Amino acid sequence: ADGFNRSDITANLDGSEVQVGIPLQLTFYLYD
């Protein structure tokens, strides 16, 4: 669903239930 197209995944789609933990930023590069 469109709402899941997001970079920040720490919470529910409505912003509730933010998960507690060590911040982690993940970057991926895809190659053919």
ModelCIF file with pLDDT and N, C-alpha, C, O atoms, coordinates in Angstrom:
data_MODEL
#
_entry.id   MODEL 
#
_entity.id                         1 
_entity.type                       polymer 
_entity.pdbx_number_of_molecules   1 
#
_entity_poly.entity_id                      1 
_entity_poly.type                           'polypeptide(L)' 
_entity_poly.nstd_linkage                   no 
_entity_poly.nstd_monomer                   no 
_entity_poly.pdbx_seq_one_letter_code       ADGFNRSDITANLDGSEVQVGIPLQLTFYLYD 
_entity_poly.pdbx_seq_one_letter_code_can   ADGFNRSDITANLDGSEVQVGIPLQLTFYLYD 
_entity_poly.pdbx_strand_id                 A 
#
loop_
_entity_poly_seq.entity_id 
_entity_poly_seq.num 
_entity_poly_seq.mon_id 
_entity_poly_seq.hetero 
1 1  ALA n 
1 2  ASP n 
1 3  GLY n 
1 4  PHE n 
1 5  ASN n 
1 6  ARG n 
1 7  SER n 
1 8  ASP n 
1 9  ILE n 
1 10 THR n 
1 11 ALA n 
1 12 ASN n 
1 13 LEU n 
1 14 ASP n 
1 15 GLY n 
1 16 SER n 
1 17 GLU n 
1 18 VAL n 
1 19 GLN n 
1 20 VAL n 
1 21 GLY n 
1 22 ILE n 
1 23 PRO n 
1 24 LEU n 
1 25 GLN n 
1 26 LEU n 
1 27 THR n 
1 28 PHE n 
1 29 TYR n 
1 30 LEU n 
1 31 TYR n 
1 32 ASP n 
#
_struct_asym.id          A 
_struct_asym.entity_id   1 
#
loop_
_ma_qa_metric.id 
_ma_qa_metric.mode 
_ma_qa_metric.name 
_ma_qa_metric.software_group_id 
_ma_qa_metric.type 
1 global pLDDT . pLDDT 
2 local  pLDDT . pLDDT 
#
_ma_qa_metric_global.metric_id      1 
_ma_qa_metric_global.metric_value   96.50 
_ma_qa_metric_global.model_id       1 
_ma_qa_metric_global.ordinal_id     1 
#
loop_
_ma_qa_metric_local.label_asym_id 
_ma_qa_metric_local.label_comp_id 
_ma_qa_metric_local.label_seq_id 
_ma_qa_metric_local.metric_id 
_ma_qa_metric_local.metric_value 
_ma_qa_metric_local.model_id 
_ma_qa_metric_local.ordinal_id 
A ALA 1  2 81.00 1 1  
A ASP 2  2 83.00 1 2  
A GLY 3  2 92.00 1 3  
A PHE 4  2 96.00 1 4  
A ASN 5  2 97.00 1 5  
A ARG 6  2 97.00 1 6  
A SER 7  2 98.00 1 7  
A ASP 8  2 98.00 1 8  
A ILE 9  2 98.00 1 9  
A THR 10 2 98.00 1 10 
A ALA 11 2 98.00 1 11 
A ASN 12 2 98.00 1 12 
A LEU 13 2 97.00 1 13 
A ASP 14 2 97.00 1 14 
A GLY 15 2 97.00 1 15 
A SER 16 2 98.00 1 16 
A GLU 17 2 98.00 1 17 
A VAL 18 2 98.00 1 18 
A GLN 19 2 98.00 1 19 
A VAL 20 2 98.00 1 20 
A GLY 21 2 98.00 1 21 
A ILE 22 2 98.00 1 22 
A PRO 23 2 98.00 1 23 
A LEU 24 2 98.00 1 24 
A GLN 25 2 98.00 1 25 
A LEU 26 2 98.00 1 26 
A THR 27 2 98.00 1 27 
A PHE 28 2 98.00 1 28 
A TYR 29 2 98.00 1 29 
A LEU 30 2 98.00 1 30 
A TYR 31 2 97.00 1 31 
A ASP 32 2 96.00 1 32 
#
loop_
_atom_site.group_PDB 
_atom_site.id 
_atom_site.type_symbol 
_atom_site.label_atom_id 
_atom_site.label_alt_id 
_atom_site.label_comp_id 
_atom_site.label_asym_id 
_atom_site.label_entity_id 
_atom_site.label_seq_id 
_atom_site.pdbx_PDB_ins_code 
_atom_site.Cartn_x 
_atom_site.Cartn_y 
_atom_site.Cartn_z 
_atom_site.occupancy 
_atom_site.B_iso_or_equiv 
_atom_site.pdbx_formal_charge 
_atom_site.auth_seq_id 
_atom_site.auth_comp_id 
_atom_site.auth_asym_id 
_atom_site.auth_atom_id 
_atom_site.pdbx_PDB_model_num 
ATOM 1   N N  . ALA A 1 1  ? 0.848  -1.191 0.000   1.00 81.00 ? 1  ALA A N  1 
ATOM 2   C CA . ALA A 1 1  ? 0.000  0.000  0.000   1.00 81.00 ? 1  ALA A CA 1 
ATOM 3   C C  . ALA A 1 1  ? 0.885  1.242  0.000   1.00 81.00 ? 1  ALA A C  1 
ATOM 4   O O  . ALA A 1 1  ? 2.014  1.217  0.488   1.00 81.00 ? 1  ALA A O  1 
ATOM 5   N N  . ASP A 1 2  ? 0.350  2.328  -0.557  1.00 83.00 ? 2  ASP A N  1 
ATOM 6   C CA . ASP A 1 2  ? 1.153  3.537  -0.707  1.00 83.00 ? 2  ASP A CA 1 
ATOM 7   C C  . ASP A 1 2  ? 1.749  4.021  0.602   1.00 83.00 ? 2  ASP A C  1 
ATOM 8   O O  . ASP A 1 2  ? 2.857  4.558  0.611   1.00 83.00 ? 2  ASP A O  1 
ATOM 9   N N  . GLY A 1 3  ? 1.048  3.846  1.695   1.00 92.00 ? 3  GLY A N  1 
ATOM 10  C CA . GLY A 1 3  ? 1.544  4.325  2.983   1.00 92.00 ? 3  GLY A CA 1 
ATOM 11  C C  . GLY A 1 3  ? 2.841  3.671  3.418   1.00 92.00 ? 3  GLY A C  1 
ATOM 12  O O  . GLY A 1 3  ? 3.597  4.247  4.200   1.00 92.00 ? 3  GLY A O  1 
ATOM 13  N N  . PHE A 1 4  ? 3.105  2.475  2.918   1.00 96.00 ? 4  PHE A N  1 
ATOM 14  C CA . PHE A 1 4  ? 4.330  1.769  3.286   1.00 96.00 ? 4  PHE A CA 1 
ATOM 15  C C  . PHE A 1 4  ? 5.538  2.257  2.479   1.00 96.00 ? 4  PHE A C  1 
ATOM 16  O O  . PHE A 1 4  ? 6.676  1.896  2.779   1.00 96.00 ? 4  PHE A O  1 
ATOM 17  N N  . ASN A 1 5  ? 5.286  3.073  1.461   1.00 97.00 ? 5  ASN A N  1 
ATOM 18  C CA . ASN A 1 5  ? 6.383  3.648  0.686   1.00 97.00 ? 5  ASN A CA 1 
ATOM 19  C C  . ASN A 1 5  ? 6.962  4.794  1.506   1.00 97.00 ? 5  ASN A C  1 
ATOM 20  O O  . ASN A 1 5  ? 6.537  5.944  1.384   1.00 97.00 ? 5  ASN A O  1 
ATOM 21  N N  . ARG A 1 6  ? 7.934  4.460  2.339   1.00 97.00 ? 6  ARG A N  1 
ATOM 22  C CA . ARG A 1 6  ? 8.468  5.429  3.293   1.00 97.00 ? 6  ARG A CA 1 
ATOM 23  C C  . ARG A 1 6  ? 9.906  5.084  3.634   1.00 97.00 ? 6  ARG A C  1 
ATOM 24  O O  . ARG A 1 6  ? 10.322 3.928  3.553   1.00 97.00 ? 6  ARG A O  1 
ATOM 25  N N  . SER A 1 7  ? 10.648 6.096  4.013   1.00 98.00 ? 7  SER A N  1 
ATOM 26  C CA . SER A 1 7  ? 12.033 5.891  4.411   1.00 98.00 ? 7  SER A CA 1 
ATOM 27  C C  . SER A 1 7  ? 12.146 5.644  5.909   1.00 98.00 ? 7  SER A C  1 
ATOM 28  O O  . SER A 1 7  ? 12.949 4.815  6.338   1.00 98.00 ? 7  SER A O  1 
ATOM 29  N N  . ASP A 1 8  ? 11.358 6.345  6.706   1.00 98.00 ? 8  ASP A N  1 
ATOM 30  C CA . ASP A 1 8  ? 11.374 6.171  8.158   1.00 98.00 ? 8  ASP A CA 1 
ATOM 31  C C  . ASP A 1 8  ? 10.342 5.113  8.532   1.00 98.00 ? 8  ASP A C  1 
ATOM 32  O O  . ASP A 1 8  ? 9.141  5.325  8.362   1.00 98.00 ? 8  ASP A O  1 
ATOM 33  N N  . ILE A 1 9  ? 10.811 3.967  9.045   1.00 98.00 ? 9  ILE A N  1 
ATOM 34  C CA . ILE A 1 9  ? 9.903  2.859  9.357   1.00 98.00 ? 9  ILE A CA 1 
ATOM 35  C C  . ILE A 1 9  ? 9.776  2.623  10.858  1.00 98.00 ? 9  ILE A C  1 
ATOM 36  O O  . ILE A 1 9  ? 9.314  1.561  11.275  1.00 98.00 ? 9  ILE A O  1 
ATOM 37  N N  . THR A 1 10 ? 10.171 3.582  11.666  1.00 98.00 ? 10 THR A N  1 
ATOM 38  C CA . THR A 1 10 ? 10.234 3.365  13.112  1.00 98.00 ? 10 THR A CA 1 
ATOM 39  C C  . THR A 1 10 ? 8.871  3.299  13.790  1.00 98.00 ? 10 THR A C  1 
ATOM 40  O O  . THR A 1 10 ? 8.780  2.834  14.927  1.00 98.00 ? 10 THR A O  1 
ATOM 41  N N  . ALA A 1 11 ? 7.803  3.752  13.124  1.00 98.00 ? 11 ALA A N  1 
ATOM 42  C CA . ALA A 1 11 ? 6.486  3.822  13.757  1.00 98.00 ? 11 ALA A CA 1 
ATOM 43  C C  . ALA A 1 11 ? 5.422  3.185  12.869  1.00 98.00 ? 11 ALA A C  1 
ATOM 44  O O  . ALA A 1 11 ? 5.709  2.749  11.754  1.00 98.00 ? 11 ALA A O  1 
ATOM 45  N N  . ASN A 1 12 ? 4.190  3.136  13.378  1.00 98.00 ? 12 ASN A N  1 
ATOM 46  C CA . ASN A 1 12 ? 3.056  2.754  12.556  1.00 98.00 ? 12 ASN A CA 1 
ATOM 47  C C  . ASN A 1 12 ? 2.848  3.786  11.456  1.00 98.00 ? 12 ASN A C  1 
ATOM 48  O O  . ASN A 1 12 ? 3.451  4.858  11.490  1.00 98.00 ? 12 ASN A O  1 
ATOM 49  N N  . LEU A 1 13 ? 2.005  3.475  10.488  1.00 97.00 ? 13 LEU A N  1 
ATOM 50  C CA . LEU A 1 13 ? 1.767  4.393  9.384   1.00 97.00 ? 13 LEU A CA 1 
ATOM 51  C C  . LEU A 1 13 ? 1.186  5.721  9.856   1.00 97.00 ? 13 LEU A C  1 
ATOM 52  O O  . LEU A 1 13 ? 1.391  6.752  9.215   1.00 97.00 ? 13 LEU A O  1 
ATOM 53  N N  . ASP A 1 14 ? 0.460  5.703  10.974  1.00 97.00 ? 14 ASP A N  1 
ATOM 54  C CA . ASP A 1 14 ? -0.121 6.935  11.495  1.00 97.00 ? 14 ASP A CA 1 
ATOM 55  C C  . ASP A 1 14 ? 0.804  7.658  12.470  1.00 97.00 ? 14 ASP A C  1 
ATOM 56  O O  . ASP A 1 14 ? 0.411  8.657  13.072  1.00 97.00 ? 14 ASP A O  1 
ATOM 57  N N  . GLY A 1 15 ? 2.028  7.161  12.627  1.00 97.00 ? 15 GLY A N  1 
ATOM 58  C CA . GLY A 1 15 ? 2.999  7.810  13.500  1.00 97.00 ? 15 GLY A CA 1 
ATOM 59  C C  . GLY A 1 15 ? 2.990  7.319  14.927  1.00 97.00 ? 15 GLY A C  1 
ATOM 60  O O  . GLY A 1 15 ? 3.819  7.752  15.727  1.00 97.00 ? 15 GLY A O  1 
ATOM 61  N N  . SER A 1 16 ? 2.079  6.431  15.272  1.00 98.00 ? 16 SER A N  1 
ATOM 62  C CA . SER A 1 16 ? 1.997  5.928  16.639  1.00 98.00 ? 16 SER A CA 1 
ATOM 63  C C  . SER A 1 16 ? 2.959  4.759  16.853  1.00 98.00 ? 16 SER A C  1 
ATOM 64  O O  . SER A 1 16 ? 3.528  4.224  15.901  1.00 98.00 ? 16 SER A O  1 
ATOM 65  N N  . GLU A 1 17 ? 3.128  4.374  18.114  1.00 98.00 ? 17 GLU A N  1 
ATOM 66  C CA . GLU A 1 17 ? 3.938  3.211  18.484  1.00 98.00 ? 17 GLU A CA 1 
ATOM 67  C C  . GLU A 1 17 ? 5.375  3.298  17.951  1.00 98.00 ? 17 GLU A C  1 
ATOM 68  O O  . GLU A 1 17 ? 5.891  2.347  17.364  1.00 98.00 ? 17 GLU A O  1 
ATOM 69  N N  . VAL A 1 18 ? 5.999  4.442  18.166  1.00 98.00 ? 18 VAL A N  1 
ATOM 70  C CA . VAL A 1 18 ? 7.399  4.593  17.761  1.00 98.00 ? 18 VAL A CA 1 
ATOM 71  C C  . VAL A 1 18 ? 8.240  3.592  18.543  1.00 98.00 ? 18 VAL A C  1 
ATOM 72  O O  . VAL A 1 18 ? 8.163  3.536  19.770  1.00 98.00 ? 18 VAL A O  1 
ATOM 73  N N  . GLN A 1 19 ? 9.036  2.809  17.841  1.00 98.00 ? 19 GLN A N  1 
ATOM 74  C CA . GLN A 1 19 ? 9.813  1.757  18.476  1.00 98.00 ? 19 GLN A CA 1 
ATOM 75  C C  . GLN A 1 19 ? 11.096 2.314  19.094  1.00 98.00 ? 19 GLN A C  1 
ATOM 76  O O  . GLN A 1 19 ? 11.816 3.105  18.485  1.00 98.00 ? 19 GLN A O  1 
ATOM 77  N N  . VAL A 1 20 ? 11.351 1.874  20.320  1.00 98.00 ? 20 VAL A N  1 
ATOM 78  C CA . VAL A 1 20 ? 12.502 2.354  21.078  1.00 98.00 ? 20 VAL A CA 1 
ATOM 79  C C  . VAL A 1 20 ? 13.705 1.472  20.781  1.00 98.00 ? 20 VAL A C  1 
ATOM 80  O O  . VAL A 1 20 ? 13.602 0.245  20.762  1.00 98.00 ? 20 VAL A O  1 
ATOM 81  N N  . GLY A 1 21 ? 14.849 2.112  20.550  1.00 98.00 ? 21 GLY A N  1 
ATOM 82  C CA . GLY A 1 21 ? 16.068 1.364  20.299  1.00 98.00 ? 21 GLY A CA 1 
ATOM 83  C C  . GLY A 1 21 ? 17.151 2.276  19.766  1.00 98.00 ? 21 GLY A C  1 
ATOM 84  O O  . GLY A 1 21 ? 16.950 3.484  19.632  1.00 98.00 ? 21 GLY A O  1 
ATOM 85  N N  . ILE A 1 22 ? 18.295 1.698  19.464  1.00 98.00 ? 22 ILE A N  1 
ATOM 86  C CA . ILE A 1 22 ? 19.420 2.457  18.932  1.00 98.00 ? 22 ILE A CA 1 
ATOM 87  C C  . ILE A 1 22 ? 19.107 2.863  17.495  1.00 98.00 ? 22 ILE A C  1 
ATOM 88  O O  . ILE A 1 22 ? 18.785 2.004  16.674  1.00 98.00 ? 22 ILE A O  1 
ATOM 89  N N  . PRO A 1 23 ? 19.193 4.157  17.173  1.00 98.00 ? 23 PRO A N  1 
ATOM 90  C CA . PRO A 1 23 ? 18.913 4.582  15.790  1.00 98.00 ? 23 PRO A CA 1 
ATOM 91  C C  . PRO A 1 23 ? 19.832 3.884  14.793  1.00 98.00 ? 23 PRO A C  1 
ATOM 92  O O  . PRO A 1 23 ? 21.016 3.683  15.059  1.00 98.00 ? 23 PRO A O  1 
ATOM 93  N N  . LEU A 1 24 ? 19.271 3.519  13.645  1.00 98.00 ? 24 LEU A N  1 
ATOM 94  C CA . LEU A 1 24 ? 20.030 2.834  12.603  1.00 98.00 ? 24 LEU A CA 1 
ATOM 95  C C  . LEU A 1 24 ? 19.611 3.384  11.251  1.00 98.00 ? 24 LEU A C  1 
ATOM 96  O O  . LEU A 1 24 ? 18.432 3.359  10.896  1.00 98.00 ? 24 LEU A O  1 
ATOM 97  N N  . GLN A 1 25 ? 20.586 3.879  10.503  1.00 98.00 ? 25 GLN A N  1 
ATOM 98  C CA . GLN A 1 25 ? 20.347 4.375  9.151   1.00 98.00 ? 25 GLN A CA 1 
ATOM 99  C C  . GLN A 1 25 ? 20.960 3.404  8.156   1.00 98.00 ? 25 GLN A C  1 
ATOM 100 O O  . GLN A 1 25 ? 22.172 3.192  8.161   1.00 98.00 ? 25 GLN A O  1 
ATOM 101 N N  . LEU A 1 26 ? 20.137 2.815  7.308   1.00 98.00 ? 26 LEU A N  1 
ATOM 102 C CA . LEU A 1 26 ? 20.597 1.834  6.340   1.00 98.00 ? 26 LEU A CA 1 
ATOM 103 C C  . LEU A 1 26 ? 20.451 2.381  4.920   1.00 98.00 ? 26 LEU A C  1 
ATOM 104 O O  . LEU A 1 26 ? 19.375 2.832  4.527   1.00 98.00 ? 26 LEU A O  1 
ATOM 105 N N  . THR A 1 27 ? 21.531 2.335  4.166   1.00 98.00 ? 27 THR A N  1 
ATOM 106 C CA . THR A 1 27 ? 21.522 2.752  2.767   1.00 98.00 ? 27 THR A CA 1 
ATOM 107 C C  . THR A 1 27 ? 21.929 1.571  1.913   1.00 98.00 ? 27 THR A C  1 
ATOM 108 O O  . THR A 1 27 ? 22.923 0.900  2.192   1.00 98.00 ? 27 THR A O  1 
ATOM 109 N N  . PHE A 1 28 ? 21.156 1.322  0.875   1.00 98.00 ? 28 PHE A N  1 
ATOM 110 C CA . PHE A 1 28 ? 21.442 0.223  -0.040  1.00 98.00 ? 28 PHE A CA 1 
ATOM 111 C C  . PHE A 1 28 ? 21.568 0.760  -1.455  1.00 98.00 ? 28 PHE A C  1 
ATOM 112 O O  . PHE A 1 28 ? 20.815 1.637  -1.880  1.00 98.00 ? 28 PHE A O  1 
ATOM 113 N N  . TYR A 1 29 ? 22.544 0.208  -2.176  1.00 98.00 ? 29 TYR A N  1 
ATOM 114 C CA . TYR A 1 29 ? 22.687 0.480  -3.604  1.00 98.00 ? 29 TYR A CA 1 
ATOM 115 C C  . TYR A 1 29 ? 22.447 -0.825 -4.345  1.00 98.00 ? 29 TYR A C  1 
ATOM 116 O O  . TYR A 1 29 ? 23.054 -1.846 -4.022  1.00 98.00 ? 29 TYR A O  1 
ATOM 117 N N  . LEU A 1 30 ? 21.566 -0.797 -5.334  1.00 98.00 ? 30 LEU A N  1 
ATOM 118 C CA . LEU A 1 30 ? 21.274 -1.975 -6.132  1.00 98.00 ? 30 LEU A CA 1 
ATOM 119 C C  . LEU A 1 30 ? 21.937 -1.857 -7.497  1.00 98.00 ? 30 LEU A C  1 
ATOM 120 O O  . LEU A 1 30 ? 21.879 -0.814 -8.148  1.00 98.00 ? 30 LEU A O  1 
ATOM 121 N N  . TYR A 1 31 ? 22.570 -2.953 -7.916  1.00 97.00 ? 31 TYR A N  1 
ATOM 122 C CA . TYR A 1 31 ? 23.256 -3.005 -9.198  1.00 97.00 ? 31 TYR A CA 1 
ATOM 123 C C  . TYR A 1 31 ? 22.808 -4.233 -9.972  1.00 97.00 ? 31 TYR A C  1 
ATOM 124 O O  . TYR A 1 31 ? 22.440 -5.257 -9.398  1.00 97.00 ? 31 TYR A O  1 
ATOM 125 N N  . ASP A 1 32 ? 22.850 -4.101 -11.284 1.00 96.00 ? 32 ASP A N  1 
ATOM 126 C CA . ASP A 1 32 ? 22.430 -5.179 -12.169 1.00 96.00 ? 32 ASP A CA 1 
ATOM 127 C C  . ASP A 1 32 ? 23.659 -5.972 -12.597 1.00 96.00 ? 32 ASP A C  1 
ATOM 128 O O  . ASP A 1 32 ? 23.539 -6.937 -13.351 1.00 96.00 ? 32 ASP A O  1 
#
